[in-house]
Structures are given as C-alpha cells and as structure tokens.
Amino acid sequence: MMTLILMLALTLFSLIFCLRKKKPQFLLIPVVTLLIYFVVQIALVPAPFLETIKFIFSLS
C-alpha cells in the first residue's frame, strides 16, 4: 500500500512540475520509477532472472 501511495505522489509531483515548468521530461520520472520497480520485483523471485523473464513473457 505504501508503494502505491509513493507512486501516486511521485506522479502527481511530476505532473505539477511538468505543467508549471512546461517541460515534458518530468513525465519520464514516473515511467522510469515504475520500470525500476518492476525490475526489482522480478529480481526478488528466487528463480534465475532470465528464466523469470522468459516465463513472464511466455504467459498467454
């Protein structure tokens, strides 16, 4: 739950800065943070990293 609140706060913070400074680069912050979060969660799986990635993408 804390992660969700942190992600929402970061997104809101980035959106406000994007609108005030008129720089769309601030919108990359939530996207990059989310990608890093996914990589960390995948790395926490006890199986080997590449095997886990293959499993995730082979799900139908």
N, C-alpha and C. Protein backbone atom coordinates (compact mmCIF):
# COMPACT_ATOMS: atom_id res chain seq x y z
N MET A 1 0.83 -1.19 0.00
CA MET A 1 0.00 0.00 0.00
C MET A 1 0.88 1.26 0.00
N MET A 2 1.97 1.18 0.74
CA MET A 2 2.88 2.33 0.81
C MET A 2 3.51 2.62 -0.56
N THR A 3 3.78 1.54 -1.30
CA THR A 3 4.37 1.71 -2.64
C THR A 3 3.40 2.43 -3.56
N LEU A 4 2.13 2.06 -3.49
CA LEU A 4 1.12 2.71 -4.32
C LEU A 4 1.02 4.20 -4.00
N ILE A 5 0.99 4.54 -2.74
CA ILE A 5 0.91 5.94 -2.33
C ILE A 5 2.14 6.71 -2.79
N LEU A 6 3.30 6.09 -2.68
CA LEU A 6 4.54 6.72 -3.12
C LEU A 6 4.53 6.96 -4.63
N MET A 7 4.06 5.96 -5.39
CA MET A 7 3.99 6.10 -6.85
C MET A 7 2.99 7.20 -7.25
N LEU A 8 1.85 7.24 -6.59
CA LEU A 8 0.85 8.28 -6.89
C LEU A 8 1.38 9.67 -6.55
N ALA A 9 2.07 9.80 -5.42
CA ALA A 9 2.64 11.08 -5.03
C ALA A 9 3.72 11.51 -6.02
N LEU A 10 4.55 10.58 -6.44
CA LEU A 10 5.60 10.90 -7.40
C LEU A 10 5.00 11.32 -8.74
N THR A 11 3.93 10.65 -9.16
CA THR A 11 3.27 11.00 -10.41
C THR A 11 2.64 12.39 -10.32
N LEU A 12 1.98 12.67 -9.21
CA LEU A 12 1.37 13.98 -9.02
C LEU A 12 2.43 15.08 -9.00
N PHE A 13 3.53 14.83 -8.29
CA PHE A 13 4.65 15.76 -8.20
C PHE A 13 5.21 16.04 -9.61
N SER A 14 5.40 15.00 -10.40
CA SER A 14 5.94 15.15 -11.75
C SER A 14 4.97 15.90 -12.66
N LEU A 15 3.69 15.60 -12.53
CA LEU A 15 2.68 16.27 -13.35
C LEU A 15 2.62 17.76 -13.04
N ILE A 16 2.68 18.10 -11.77
CA ILE A 16 2.66 19.52 -11.38
C ILE A 16 3.88 20.24 -11.92
N PHE A 17 5.07 19.62 -11.77
CA PHE A 17 6.28 20.25 -12.29
C PHE A 17 6.25 20.36 -13.80
N CYS A 18 5.69 19.36 -14.47
CA CYS A 18 5.59 19.39 -15.93
C CYS A 18 4.72 20.55 -16.39
N LEU A 19 3.61 20.74 -15.73
CA LEU A 19 2.70 21.82 -16.12
C LEU A 19 3.25 23.19 -15.76
N ARG A 20 3.93 23.32 -14.63
CA ARG A 20 4.47 24.62 -14.22
C ARG A 20 5.69 25.02 -15.02
N LYS A 21 6.60 24.10 -15.24
CA LYS A 21 7.85 24.40 -15.94
C LYS A 21 7.73 24.25 -17.45
N LYS A 22 6.61 23.66 -17.92
CA LYS A 22 6.38 23.41 -19.34
C LYS A 22 7.49 22.56 -19.96
N LYS A 23 7.93 21.55 -19.20
CA LYS A 23 8.95 20.62 -19.68
C LYS A 23 8.40 19.20 -19.57
N PRO A 24 8.15 18.55 -20.70
CA PRO A 24 7.57 17.20 -20.66
C PRO A 24 8.53 16.13 -20.14
N GLN A 25 9.81 16.46 -19.96
CA GLN A 25 10.77 15.48 -19.44
C GLN A 25 10.39 15.02 -18.03
N PHE A 26 9.68 15.84 -17.30
CA PHE A 26 9.28 15.47 -15.95
C PHE A 26 8.31 14.28 -15.95
N LEU A 27 7.63 14.04 -17.07
CA LEU A 27 6.71 12.91 -17.15
C LEU A 27 7.43 11.58 -17.28
N LEU A 28 8.72 11.61 -17.56
CA LEU A 28 9.50 10.38 -17.63
C LEU A 28 9.81 9.82 -16.24
N ILE A 29 9.78 10.66 -15.22
CA ILE A 29 10.13 10.22 -13.87
C ILE A 29 9.23 9.08 -13.39
N PRO A 30 7.89 9.18 -13.47
CA PRO A 30 7.06 8.06 -13.02
C PRO A 30 7.25 6.79 -13.86
N VAL A 31 7.47 6.95 -15.15
CA VAL A 31 7.65 5.80 -16.03
C VAL A 31 8.93 5.05 -15.67
N VAL A 32 10.02 5.79 -15.49
CA VAL A 32 11.30 5.18 -15.14
C VAL A 32 11.22 4.53 -13.76
N THR A 33 10.56 5.20 -12.83
CA THR A 33 10.40 4.64 -11.49
C THR A 33 9.62 3.33 -11.52
N LEU A 34 8.57 3.29 -12.32
CA LEU A 34 7.77 2.08 -12.44
C LEU A 34 8.57 0.94 -13.07
N LEU A 35 9.36 1.24 -14.08
CA LEU A 35 10.21 0.22 -14.70
C LEU A 35 11.24 -0.33 -13.71
N ILE A 36 11.84 0.56 -12.94
CA ILE A 36 12.80 0.12 -11.91
C ILE A 36 12.11 -0.75 -10.87
N TYR A 37 10.90 -0.37 -10.48
CA TYR A 37 10.15 -1.16 -9.52
C TYR A 37 9.88 -2.58 -10.04
N PHE A 38 9.49 -2.68 -11.33
CA PHE A 38 9.24 -3.99 -11.92
C PHE A 38 10.49 -4.84 -11.96
N VAL A 39 11.62 -4.25 -12.32
CA VAL A 39 12.87 -4.99 -12.37
C VAL A 39 13.26 -5.50 -10.99
N VAL A 40 13.08 -4.67 -9.98
CA VAL A 40 13.39 -5.08 -8.60
C VAL A 40 12.48 -6.22 -8.17
N GLN A 41 11.20 -6.14 -8.48
CA GLN A 41 10.27 -7.20 -8.11
C GLN A 41 10.59 -8.50 -8.83
N ILE A 42 10.99 -8.43 -10.08
CA ILE A 42 11.39 -9.63 -10.82
C ILE A 42 12.66 -10.21 -10.22
N ALA A 43 13.58 -9.36 -9.81
CA ALA A 43 14.84 -9.83 -9.23
C ALA A 43 14.62 -10.52 -7.89
N LEU A 44 13.54 -10.20 -7.20
CA LEU A 44 13.26 -10.82 -5.91
C LEU A 44 12.72 -12.24 -6.02
N VAL A 45 12.33 -12.65 -7.23
CA VAL A 45 11.85 -14.02 -7.44
C VAL A 45 13.04 -14.96 -7.28
N PRO A 46 12.88 -16.08 -6.57
CA PRO A 46 14.03 -16.95 -6.31
C PRO A 46 14.58 -17.68 -7.53
N ALA A 47 13.86 -17.71 -8.65
CA ALA A 47 14.35 -18.35 -9.87
C ALA A 47 15.38 -17.44 -10.54
N PRO A 48 16.20 -17.98 -11.45
CA PRO A 48 17.15 -17.13 -12.17
C PRO A 48 16.44 -16.02 -12.94
N PHE A 49 17.11 -14.88 -13.06
CA PHE A 49 16.50 -13.68 -13.62
C PHE A 49 16.00 -13.90 -15.06
N LEU A 50 16.85 -14.41 -15.94
CA LEU A 50 16.45 -14.59 -17.34
C LEU A 50 15.35 -15.63 -17.48
N GLU A 51 15.38 -16.65 -16.67
CA GLU A 51 14.32 -17.66 -16.70
C GLU A 51 12.98 -17.05 -16.28
N THR A 52 13.02 -16.18 -15.30
CA THR A 52 11.81 -15.50 -14.84
C THR A 52 11.25 -14.60 -15.94
N ILE A 53 12.13 -13.87 -16.63
CA ILE A 53 11.70 -13.01 -17.73
C ILE A 53 11.06 -13.84 -18.84
N LYS A 54 11.67 -14.95 -19.19
CA LYS A 54 11.11 -15.83 -20.23
C LYS A 54 9.74 -16.34 -19.81
N PHE A 55 9.59 -16.71 -18.55
CA PHE A 55 8.31 -17.19 -18.04
C PHE A 55 7.24 -16.11 -18.12
N ILE A 56 7.58 -14.90 -17.73
CA ILE A 56 6.61 -13.80 -17.75
C ILE A 56 6.12 -13.54 -19.17
N PHE A 57 7.02 -13.51 -20.13
CA PHE A 57 6.63 -13.21 -21.50
C PHE A 57 6.02 -14.40 -22.23
N SER A 58 6.16 -15.59 -21.68
CA SER A 58 5.55 -16.75 -22.33
C SER A 58 4.12 -17.00 -21.84
N LEU A 59 3.66 -16.25 -20.85
CA LEU A 59 2.28 -16.40 -20.37
C LEU A 59 1.31 -15.92 -21.43
N SER A 60 0.26 -16.68 -21.62
CA SER A 60 -0.75 -16.30 -22.63
C SER A 60 -2.10 -16.15 -21.99
